[in-house]
């Protein structure tokens, strides 16, 4: 992991650099989901370097190898 962020609901998001994804955990540490895969398309990363979560729950991920930042709004369960 290279970066973590806490969302407005208290969930933790972790940039998983070597696995090209972001992982989401509940406030008590329970794994909830992950998103992303290796590549250059939408929702793909070439090393997710950093993650941030906005007040509205939007997730921003710095994608080192693709030289971009991707933004999404995750659906709530």
Protein backbone atom coordinates (compact mmCIF):
# COMPACT_ATOMS: atom_id res chain seq x y z
CA UNK A 1 0.00 0.00 0.00
CA UNK A 2 1.28 3.44 -0.85
CA UNK A 3 -1.56 5.67 0.32
CA UNK A 4 -4.70 5.58 2.45
CA UNK A 5 -7.69 7.89 2.81
CA UNK A 6 -10.74 7.94 5.05
CA UNK A 7 -14.11 8.52 3.40
CA UNK A 8 -17.06 10.48 4.85
CA UNK A 9 -18.66 7.25 6.15
CA UNK A 10 -15.43 6.32 7.97
CA UNK A 11 -14.40 3.70 5.43
CA UNK A 12 -10.70 3.35 4.64
CA UNK A 13 -9.47 3.33 1.03
CA UNK A 14 -5.99 2.00 0.28
CA UNK A 15 -4.00 2.42 -2.94
CA UNK A 16 -2.58 -1.04 -3.69
CA UNK A 17 0.41 -0.05 -5.85
CA UNK A 18 1.69 -3.45 -6.99
CA UNK A 19 -1.76 -4.97 -7.56
CA UNK A 20 -3.03 -1.97 -9.57
CA UNK A 21 -6.20 -1.45 -7.54
CA UNK A 22 -7.84 0.33 -4.62
CA UNK A 23 -9.15 -1.61 -1.64
CA UNK A 24 -12.02 -0.47 0.59
CA UNK A 25 -12.34 -1.44 4.27
CA UNK A 26 -15.01 -0.70 6.87
CA UNK A 27 -14.12 1.39 9.94
CA UNK A 28 -13.48 -1.84 11.91
CA UNK A 29 -11.03 -3.11 9.24
CA UNK A 30 -13.33 -5.57 7.46
CA UNK A 31 -12.56 -5.85 3.74
CA UNK A 32 -15.53 -4.57 1.71
CA UNK A 33 -14.47 -4.45 -1.94
CA UNK A 34 -11.77 -3.49 -4.39
CA UNK A 35 -11.73 -1.87 -7.79
CA UNK A 36 -9.27 -1.48 -10.63
CA UNK A 37 -6.99 -3.76 -12.57
CA UNK A 38 -3.77 -3.41 -14.55
CA UNK A 39 -4.10 -1.51 -17.80
CA UNK A 40 -4.68 1.85 -19.43
CA UNK A 41 -8.47 1.88 -19.81
CA UNK A 42 -11.19 3.26 -17.60
CA UNK A 43 -10.96 1.86 -14.05
CA UNK A 44 -7.51 0.46 -14.82
CA UNK A 45 -4.19 1.53 -13.36
CA UNK A 46 -0.50 1.16 -13.97
CA UNK A 47 0.38 1.45 -10.29
CA UNK A 48 -2.23 3.21 -8.15
CA UNK A 49 0.04 5.59 -6.24
CA UNK A 50 -2.30 7.67 -4.10
CA UNK A 51 -5.96 7.81 -3.15
CA UNK A 52 -8.15 10.61 -1.79
CA UNK A 53 -11.84 10.75 -0.93
CA UNK A 54 -13.92 13.93 -1.28
CA UNK A 55 -16.68 14.93 1.14
CA UNK A 56 -19.31 13.69 -1.36
CA UNK A 57 -17.69 10.22 -1.44
CA UNK A 58 -15.99 10.62 -4.81
CA UNK A 59 -12.76 8.62 -4.94
CA UNK A 60 -9.73 10.06 -6.73
CA UNK A 61 -6.77 7.86 -7.61
CA UNK A 62 -3.36 8.98 -8.87
CA UNK A 63 -2.27 6.51 -11.56
CA UNK A 64 1.52 6.70 -11.76
CA UNK A 65 2.20 4.73 -14.94
CA UNK A 66 -0.65 6.23 -16.98
CA UNK A 67 0.13 9.81 -15.83
CA UNK A 68 -3.44 10.63 -14.81
CA UNK A 69 -5.93 10.94 -12.00
CA UNK A 70 -9.18 9.00 -12.20
CA UNK A 71 -12.32 9.97 -10.30
CA UNK A 72 -15.38 7.94 -9.45
CA UNK A 73 -18.42 7.91 -7.28
CA UNK A 74 -18.82 4.42 -5.80
CA UNK A 75 -22.31 2.99 -5.46
CA UNK A 76 -23.32 2.52 -1.84
CA UNK A 77 -24.46 -1.02 -0.88
